[in-house]
C-alpha cells in the first residue's frame, strides 16, 4: 500500500500529481533499519540486519537481503535486479516472518502507511433488501494512506438482530484480523455486508468493535470529504 498501490504517488492512479514525468516501472529502494528474520520448519532461513525495502508499482513492499543473510535456495529466492548482491525470498517460503521479535503477517509493513481515526459527525446510512440497517451521524472517519476515507459506526447503532457473524475473515497488516457479518432480513441473507476489527492492532485501536459496510453488497450512503483539486 501507500507509495505504490491504492492512490499512492507511485501507483497506477495516484491521488496527486508530480511536476515532472515519473519513469515507467520506477522502483524505490531504501534501508530498512530493523532486524528481519524468516523461519521455516523451526529453522531460521533469513536473518538480516542489512535489509532493504523495495517498493514497486502495484505491489506491497518487499524485503531484499544480502545473499549471505539467506540460508535457503531454490525458486523461492530471486536476485533483486535493482540492488546487486541482494535477493528476495518468496513470502510463502517461510512459516513465519519477524521484524525484531514481532511476527509480521501478509507482507512487510510499509513505513509510509498511516491510519488516522477521527470522531466525526458525517452521516452514514446503510440499506439492505429495502431495510435500513443504520442511519446515523455518530461515526468514526478513518483516513488511511492511499485509500478512500471510510466511515465506521458503533454496532449498537445497527438495527438489532439483523447482523450475524460470517465465516469469512481477512487480515490487514495495519489494522489486524477482520471479522465479517451477514445481514439476515426475513428469508433473505446478504453475505459479508460488513466487517469489524474485534482486536485491532495498536495503531488502529479506536476501530475496536466498530463496523464498516461494503458498498458493493448493500446500499451505502456516506458523507465523505470531496476530492481536492491538485
C-alpha atoms as a PDB file:
ATOM      1  CA  UNK A   1       0.000   0.000   0.000  1.00  0.00           C
ATOM      2  CA  UNK A   2       0.831   3.662   0.260  1.00  0.00           C
ATOM      3  CA  UNK A   3       3.610   4.528  -2.178  1.00  0.00           C
ATOM      4  CA  UNK A   4       2.822   2.033  -4.906  1.00  0.00           C
ATOM      5  CA  UNK A   5      -0.789   0.826  -4.532  1.00  0.00           C
ATOM      6  CA  UNK A   6      -4.201   2.347  -3.980  1.00  0.00           C
ATOM      7  CA  UNK A   7      -3.866   6.027  -4.868  1.00  0.00           C
ATOM      8  CA  UNK A   8      -0.252   6.336  -3.702  1.00  0.00           C
ATOM      9  CA  UNK A   9       2.196   8.557  -5.619  1.00  0.00           C
ATOM     10  CA  UNK A  10       3.849   5.633  -7.434  1.00  0.00           C
ATOM     11  CA  UNK A  11       0.630   3.699  -8.125  1.00  0.00           C
ATOM     12  CA  UNK A  12      -1.133   3.489 -11.489  1.00  0.00           C
ATOM     13  CA  UNK A  13      -3.777   6.015 -10.355  1.00  0.00           C
ATOM     14  CA  UNK A  14      -2.155   8.488  -7.941  1.00  0.00           C
ATOM     15  CA  UNK A  15      -4.345  10.890  -5.995  1.00  0.00           C
ATOM     16  CA  UNK A  16      -1.945  13.749  -6.648  1.00  0.00           C
ATOM     17  CA  UNK A  17       0.494  14.641  -9.381  1.00  0.00           C
ATOM     18  CA  UNK A  18       4.194  15.171  -9.961  1.00  0.00           C
ATOM     19  CA  UNK A  19       5.526  18.307 -11.640  1.00  0.00           C
ATOM     20  CA  UNK A  20       7.780  16.191 -13.878  1.00  0.00           C
ATOM     21  CA  UNK A  21       7.223  12.780 -15.513  1.00  0.00           C
ATOM     22  CA  UNK A  22       8.000   9.700 -13.417  1.00  0.00           C
ATOM     23  CA  UNK A  23       9.721   6.856 -15.309  1.00  0.00           C
ATOM     24  CA  UNK A  24       7.510   3.864 -16.013  1.00  0.00           C
ATOM     25  CA  UNK A  25       8.005   0.938 -13.615  1.00  0.00           C
ATOM     26  CA  UNK A  26      10.236   3.007 -11.335  1.00  0.00           C
ATOM     27  CA  UNK A  27      11.288   1.291  -8.075  1.00  0.00           C
ATOM     28  CA  UNK A  28      12.063   2.970  -4.775  1.00  0.00           C
ATOM     29  CA  UNK A  29      14.606   1.170  -2.571  1.00  0.00           C
ATOM     30  CA  UNK A  30      15.567   2.232   0.936  1.00  0.00           C
ATOM     31  CA  UNK A  31      17.381   0.894   4.007  1.00  0.00           C
ATOM     32  CA  UNK A  32      15.073  -0.850   6.472  1.00  0.00           C
ATOM     33  CA  UNK A  33      16.615  -0.374   9.916  1.00  0.00           C
ATOM     34  CA  UNK A  34      15.110  -3.429  11.590  1.00  0.00           C
ATOM     35  CA  UNK A  35      16.316  -6.965  12.068  1.00  0.00           C
ATOM     36  CA  UNK A  36      14.282  -9.210   9.775  1.00  0.00           C
ATOM     37  CA  UNK A  37      14.046 -12.975  10.202  1.00  0.00           C
ATOM     38  CA  UNK A  38      12.194 -15.811   8.479  1.00  0.00           C
ATOM     39  CA  UNK A  39      11.619 -19.263   9.974  1.00  0.00           C
ATOM     40  CA  UNK A  40      10.745 -22.489   8.170  1.00  0.00           C
ATOM     41  CA  UNK A  41      10.217 -25.813   9.947  1.00  0.00           C
ATOM     42  CA  UNK A  42      11.847 -24.439  13.087  1.00  0.00           C
ATOM     43  CA  UNK A  43      14.973 -23.334  11.199  1.00  0.00           C
ATOM     44  CA  UNK A  44      15.968 -19.735  10.520  1.00  0.00           C
ATOM     45  CA  UNK A  45      16.251 -19.281   6.754  1.00  0.00           C
ATOM     46  CA  UNK A  46      16.723 -15.494   6.769  1.00  0.00           C
ATOM     47  CA  UNK A  47      18.392 -13.362   9.426  1.00  0.00           C
ATOM     48  CA  UNK A  48      19.441  -9.885   8.372  1.00  0.00           C
ATOM     49  CA  UNK A  49      20.360  -6.536   9.855  1.00  0.00           C
ATOM     50  CA  UNK A  50      21.006  -5.203   6.328  1.00  0.00           C
ATOM     51  CA  UNK A  51      17.543  -5.458   4.829  1.00  0.00           C
ATOM     52  CA  UNK A  52      16.339  -3.028   2.189  1.00  0.00           C
ATOM     53  CA  UNK A  53      12.698  -2.353   1.395  1.00  0.00           C
ATOM     54  CA  UNK A  54      11.709  -2.417  -2.277  1.00  0.00           C
ATOM     55  CA  UNK A  55       8.637  -0.509  -3.485  1.00  0.00           C
ATOM     56  CA  UNK A  56       7.306  -1.335  -6.969  1.00  0.00           C
ATOM     57  CA  UNK A  57       4.172  -0.148  -8.712  1.00  0.00           C
ATOM     58  CA  UNK A  58       1.027  -2.107  -7.882  1.00  0.00           C
ATOM     59  CA  UNK A  59       2.681  -4.298  -5.233  1.00  0.00           C
ATOM     60  CA  UNK A  60       3.110  -4.176  -1.484  1.00  0.00           C
ATOM     61  CA  UNK A  61       6.680  -3.515  -0.331  1.00  0.00           C
ATOM     62  CA  UNK A  62       9.132  -6.414  -0.375  1.00  0.00           C
ATOM     63  CA  UNK A  63      12.233  -7.245   1.656  1.00  0.00           C
ATOM     64  CA  UNK A  64      15.566  -7.754  -0.072  1.00  0.00           C
ATOM     65  CA  UNK A  65      18.612  -9.183   1.695  1.00  0.00           C
ATOM     66  CA  UNK A  66      22.334  -9.662   1.052  1.00  0.00           C
ATOM     67  CA  UNK A  67      22.780 -13.177  -0.312  1.00  0.00           C
ATOM     68  CA  UNK A  68      24.925 -14.115   2.685  1.00  0.00           C
ATOM     69  CA  UNK A  69      21.989 -13.454   5.060  1.00  0.00           C
ATOM     70  CA  UNK A  70      19.766 -16.022   3.304  1.00  0.00           C
ATOM     71  CA  UNK A  71      20.104 -19.703   4.217  1.00  0.00           C
ATOM     72  CA  UNK A  72      17.827 -21.291   1.664  1.00  0.00           C
ATOM     73  CA  UNK A  73      17.888 -21.810  -2.092  1.00  0.00           C
ATOM     74  CA  UNK A  74      15.637 -22.756  -4.970  1.00  0.00           C
ATOM     75  CA  UNK A  75      12.965 -20.927  -6.965  1.00  0.00           C
ATOM     76  CA  UNK A  76      11.747 -19.044  -3.885  1.00  0.00           C
ATOM     77  CA  UNK A  77      14.973 -16.999  -3.909  1.00  0.00           C
ATOM     78  CA  UNK A  78      15.490 -14.486  -6.701  1.00  0.00           C
ATOM     79  CA  UNK A  79      18.101 -11.838  -7.404  1.00  0.00           C
ATOM     80  CA  UNK A  80      16.893  -8.286  -6.788  1.00  0.00           C
ATOM     81  CA  UNK A  81      17.579  -6.686 -10.189  1.00  0.00           C
ATOM     82  CA  UNK A  82      17.968  -3.125  -8.940  1.00  0.00           C
ATOM     83  CA  UNK A  83      20.215  -3.957  -5.966  1.00  0.00           C
ATOM     84  CA  UNK A  84      23.303  -6.004  -6.933  1.00  0.00           C
ATOM     85  CA  UNK A  85      24.189  -8.711  -4.414  1.00  0.00           C
ATOM     86  CA  UNK A  86      20.713  -8.702  -2.874  1.00  0.00           C
ATOM     87  CA  UNK A  87      17.973 -11.294  -3.205  1.00  0.00           C
ATOM     88  CA  UNK A  88      14.273 -11.548  -2.400  1.00  0.00           C
ATOM     89  CA  UNK A  89      12.636 -14.545  -0.740  1.00  0.00           C
ATOM     90  CA  UNK A  90       9.059 -15.544  -1.560  1.00  0.00           C
ATOM     91  CA  UNK A  91       6.795 -14.798   1.408  1.00  0.00           C
ATOM     92  CA  UNK A  92       5.249 -18.280   1.258  1.00  0.00           C
ATOM     93  CA  UNK A  93       8.665 -19.943   1.538  1.00  0.00           C
ATOM     94  CA  UNK A  94       8.661 -19.284   5.309  1.00  0.00           C
ATOM     95  CA  UNK A  95       6.290 -20.362   8.067  1.00  0.00           C
ATOM     96  CA  UNK A  96       6.724 -17.031   9.851  1.00  0.00           C
ATOM     97  CA  UNK A  97       8.384 -13.648   9.343  1.00  0.00           C
ATOM     98  CA  UNK A  98       9.589 -11.326  12.103  1.00  0.00           C
ATOM     99  CA  UNK A  99      10.674  -7.717  12.439  1.00  0.00           C
ATOM    100  CA  UNK A 100      12.730  -7.706  15.640  1.00  0.00           C
ATOM    101  CA  UNK A 101      10.634 -10.074  17.823  1.00  0.00           C
ATOM    102  CA  UNK A 102       7.221  -9.148  16.388  1.00  0.00           C
ATOM    103  CA  UNK A 103       5.671 -11.506  13.849  1.00  0.00           C
ATOM    104  CA  UNK A 104       4.601  -9.858  10.594  1.00  0.00           C
ATOM    105  CA  UNK A 105       1.640 -11.175   8.609  1.00  0.00           C
ATOM    106  CA  UNK A 106       0.650 -10.814   4.957  1.00  0.00           C
ATOM    107  CA  UNK A 107       3.548  -8.701   3.718  1.00  0.00           C
ATOM    108  CA  UNK A 108       6.176  -6.283   5.095  1.00  0.00           C
ATOM    109  CA  UNK A 109       4.721  -3.285   6.879  1.00  0.00           C
ATOM    110  CA  UNK A 110       5.059  -0.074   4.919  1.00  0.00           C
ATOM    111  CA  UNK A 111       6.740   2.784   6.835  1.00  0.00           C
ATOM    112  CA  UNK A 112       4.705   5.292   4.800  1.00  0.00           C
ATOM    113  CA  UNK A 113       1.334   3.819   5.698  1.00  0.00           C
ATOM    114  CA  UNK A 114      -0.692   5.709   8.273  1.00  0.00           C
ATOM    115  CA  UNK A 115      -4.167   5.363   9.779  1.00  0.00           C
ATOM    116  CA  UNK A 116      -5.962   8.295  11.419  1.00  0.00           C
ATOM    117  CA  UNK A 117      -9.239   7.552  13.221  1.00  0.00           C
ATOM    118  CA  UNK A 118     -11.211  10.736  13.874  1.00  0.00           C
ATOM    119  CA  UNK A 119     -14.554  11.142  15.611  1.00  0.00           C
ATOM    120  CA  UNK A 120     -16.943  12.705  13.109  1.00  0.00           C
ATOM    121  CA  UNK A 121     -20.491  13.889  12.523  1.00  0.00           C
ATOM    122  CA  UNK A 122     -20.598  12.585   8.953  1.00  0.00           C
ATOM    123  CA  UNK A 123     -23.786  10.753   8.048  1.00  0.00           C
ATOM    124  CA  UNK A 124     -23.804   7.032   7.294  1.00  0.00           C
ATOM    125  CA  UNK A 125     -26.921   5.318   6.010  1.00  0.00           C
ATOM    126  CA  UNK A 126     -26.916   1.642   5.004  1.00  0.00           C
ATOM    127  CA  UNK A 127     -29.791  -0.250   3.434  1.00  0.00           C
ATOM    128  CA  UNK A 128     -30.138  -3.938   2.542  1.00  0.00           C
ATOM    129  CA  UNK A 129     -33.143  -5.639   0.946  1.00  0.00           C
ATOM    130  CA  UNK A 130     -35.153  -2.458   1.430  1.00  0.00           C
ATOM    131  CA  UNK A 131     -34.420  -2.231   5.167  1.00  0.00           C
ATOM    132  CA  UNK A 132     -32.284   0.465   6.799  1.00  0.00           C
ATOM    133  CA  UNK A 133     -29.532  -1.190   8.844  1.00  0.00           C
ATOM    134  CA  UNK A 134     -28.118   2.052  10.190  1.00  0.00           C
ATOM    135  CA  UNK A 135     -28.758   5.772   9.763  1.00  0.00           C
ATOM    136  CA  UNK A 136     -26.620   7.983  11.982  1.00  0.00           C
ATOM    137  CA  UNK A 137     -24.179  10.872  12.156  1.00  0.00           C
ATOM    138  CA  UNK A 138     -22.360   9.340  15.144  1.00  0.00           C
ATOM    139  CA  UNK A 139     -19.470   7.960  13.108  1.00  0.00           C
ATOM    140  CA  UNK A 140     -15.724   7.441  13.081  1.00  0.00           C
ATOM    141  CA  UNK A 141     -13.944   8.690   9.968  1.00  0.00           C
ATOM    142  CA  UNK A 142     -10.940   6.565   9.032  1.00  0.00           C
ATOM    143  CA  UNK A 143      -8.288   8.153   6.834  1.00  0.00           C
ATOM    144  CA  UNK A 144      -5.829   5.524   5.629  1.00  0.00           C
ATOM    145  CA  UNK A 145      -2.878   6.323   3.395  1.00  0.00           C
ATOM    146  CA  UNK A 146      -3.604   5.894  -0.337  1.00  0.00           C
ATOM    147  CA  UNK A 147      -7.178   4.692   0.281  1.00  0.00           C
ATOM    148  CA  UNK A 148     -10.538   6.423   0.129  1.00  0.00           C
ATOM    149  CA  UNK A 149     -11.828   7.700   3.509  1.00  0.00           C
ATOM    150  CA  UNK A 150     -14.288   5.333   5.169  1.00  0.00           C
ATOM    151  CA  UNK A 151     -16.885   5.639   7.932  1.00  0.00           C
ATOM    152  CA  UNK A 152     -17.244   3.208  10.819  1.00  0.00           C
ATOM    153  CA  UNK A 153     -20.112   3.005  13.293  1.00  0.00           C
ATOM    154  CA  UNK A 154     -20.734   1.508  16.727  1.00  0.00           C
ATOM    155  CA  UNK A 155     -22.504  -1.852  16.457  1.00  0.00           C
ATOM    156  CA  UNK A 156     -25.112  -0.622  18.953  1.00  0.00           C
ATOM    157  CA  UNK A 157     -26.392   1.788  16.307  1.00  0.00           C
ATOM    158  CA  UNK A 158     -27.155  -1.022  13.856  1.00  0.00           C
ATOM    159  CA  UNK A 159     -30.677  -2.444  13.801  1.00  0.00           C
ATOM    160  CA  UNK A 160     -30.981  -5.225  16.370  1.00  0.00           C
ATOM    161  CA  UNK A 161     -30.958  -8.822  15.232  1.00  0.00           C
ATOM    162  CA  UNK A 162     -30.028  -8.158  11.611  1.00  0.00           C
ATOM    163  CA  UNK A 163     -26.310  -8.948  11.567  1.00  0.00           C
ATOM    164  CA  UNK A 164     -24.912 -12.417  12.162  1.00  0.00           C
ATOM    165  CA  UNK A 165     -21.296 -13.449  12.125  1.00  0.00           C
ATOM    166  CA  UNK A 166     -19.916 -14.820   8.859  1.00  0.00           C
ATOM    167  CA  UNK A 167     -17.228 -17.476   8.427  1.00  0.00           C
ATOM    168  CA  UNK A 168     -15.140 -15.030   6.372  1.00  0.00           C
ATOM    169  CA  UNK A 169     -12.009 -13.393   7.768  1.00  0.00           C
ATOM    170  CA  UNK A 170      -9.221 -11.276   6.298  1.00  0.00           C
ATOM    171  CA  UNK A 171      -6.015  -9.760   7.608  1.00  0.00           C
ATOM    172  CA  UNK A 172      -4.610  -6.242   7.297  1.00  0.00           C
ATOM    173  CA  UNK A 173      -1.008  -5.628   8.426  1.00  0.00           C
ATOM    174  CA  UNK A 174      -2.079  -2.229   9.798  1.00  0.00           C
ATOM    175  CA  UNK A 175      -5.484  -2.933  11.354  1.00  0.00           C
ATOM    176  CA  UNK A 176      -5.444  -6.634  12.246  1.00  0.00           C
ATOM    177  CA  UNK A 177      -7.871  -9.501  11.613  1.00  0.00           C
ATOM    178  CA  UNK A 178     -11.269  -8.526  10.211  1.00  0.00           C
ATOM    179  CA  UNK A 179     -14.435 -10.371  11.206  1.00  0.00           C
ATOM    180  CA  UNK A 180     -17.240 -10.307   8.619  1.00  0.00           C
ATOM    181  CA  UNK A 181     -21.003 -10.093   9.107  1.00  0.00           C
ATOM    182  CA  UNK A 182     -24.017 -11.228   7.090  1.00  0.00           C
ATOM    183  CA  UNK A 183     -27.345  -9.396   7.076  1.00  0.00           C
ATOM    184  CA  UNK A 184     -30.440 -11.567   7.588  1.00  0.00           C
ATOM    185  CA  UNK A 185     -33.674  -9.844   6.631  1.00  0.00           C
ATOM    186  CA  UNK A 186     -36.620 -12.203   6.727  1.00  0.00           C
ATOM    187  CA  UNK A 187     -35.711 -15.083   4.415  1.00  0.00           C
ATOM    188  CA  UNK A 188     -33.014 -13.049   2.670  1.00  0.00           C
ATOM    189  CA  UNK A 189     -29.353 -13.369   3.650  1.00  0.00           C
ATOM    190  CA  UNK A 190     -26.855 -10.893   2.198  1.00  0.00           C
ATOM    191  CA  UNK A 191     -23.366 -12.215   2.839  1.00  0.00           C
ATOM    192  CA  UNK A 192     -20.403 -10.260   4.186  1.00  0.00           C
ATOM    193  CA  UNK A 193     -22.113  -6.866   4.204  1.00  0.00           C
ATOM    194  CA  UNK A 194     -19.904  -5.522   6.990  1.00  0.00           C
ATOM    195  CA  UNK A 195     -16.632  -6.107   8.774  1.00  0.00           C
ATOM    196  CA  UNK A 196     -15.144  -5.227  12.120  1.00  0.00           C
ATOM    197  CA  UNK A 197     -11.816  -5.475  13.933  1.00  0.00           C
ATOM    198  CA  UNK A 198     -12.584  -7.050  17.282  1.00  0.00           C
ATOM    199  CA  UNK A 199      -8.958  -6.903  18.447  1.00  0.00           C
ATOM    200  CA  UNK A 200      -7.284  -4.265  16.253  1.00  0.00           C
ATOM    201  CA  UNK A 201      -3.575  -3.573  16.230  1.00  0.00           C
ATOM    202  CA  UNK A 202      -2.360  -0.782  18.494  1.00  0.00           C
ATOM    203  CA  UNK A 203      -2.283   1.965  15.858  1.00  0.00           C
ATOM    204  CA  UNK A 204      -5.900   1.166  14.947  1.00  0.00           C
ATOM    205  CA  UNK A 205      -7.246   0.741  18.486  1.00  0.00           C
ATOM    206  CA  UNK A 206     -10.175   3.206  18.011  1.00  0.00           C
ATOM    207  CA  UNK A 207     -11.665   0.780  15.453  1.00  0.00           C
ATOM    208  CA  UNK A 208     -12.240  -1.916  18.077  1.00  0.00           C
ATOM    209  CA  UNK A 209     -15.731  -3.381  17.655  1.00  0.00           C
ATOM    210  CA  UNK A 210     -16.896  -0.783  15.115  1.00  0.00           C
ATOM    211  CA  UNK A 211     -18.455  -1.743  11.785  1.00  0.00           C
ATOM    212  CA  UNK A 212     -17.938  -0.595   8.221  1.00  0.00           C
ATOM    213  CA  UNK A 213     -20.128  -1.651   5.294  1.00  0.00           C
ATOM    214  CA  UNK A 214     -19.374  -2.924   1.794  1.00  0.00           C
ATOM    215  CA  UNK A 215     -20.978  -0.661  -0.794  1.00  0.00           C
ATOM    216  CA  UNK A 216     -20.707  -3.475  -3.368  1.00  0.00           C
ATOM    217  CA  UNK A 217     -23.118  -5.644  -1.359  1.00  0.00           C
ATOM    218  CA  UNK A 218     -25.533  -3.166   0.196  1.00  0.00           C
ATOM    219  CA  UNK A 219     -26.622   0.409  -0.470  1.00  0.00           C
ATOM    220  CA  UNK A 220     -24.253   2.728   1.387  1.00  0.00           C
ATOM    221  CA  UNK A 221     -24.730   6.478   1.560  1.00  0.00           C
ATOM    222  CA  UNK A 222     -21.886   8.157   3.395  1.00  0.00           C
ATOM    223  CA  UNK A 223     -20.900  11.788   3.667  1.00  0.00           C
ATOM    224  CA  UNK A 224     -17.225  11.883   2.741  1.00  0.00           C
ATOM    225  CA  UNK A 225     -14.949  14.849   2.123  1.00  0.00           C
ATOM    226  CA  UNK A 226     -14.909  15.853  -1.563  1.00  0.00           C
ATOM    227  CA  UNK A 227     -11.758  15.221  -3.596  1.00  0.00           C
ATOM    228  CA  UNK A 228      -9.383  18.187  -3.679  1.00  0.00           C
ATOM    229  CA  UNK A 229      -8.074  19.590  -6.948  1.00  0.00           C
ATOM    230  CA  UNK A 230      -4.281  19.414  -7.249  1.00  0.00           C
END
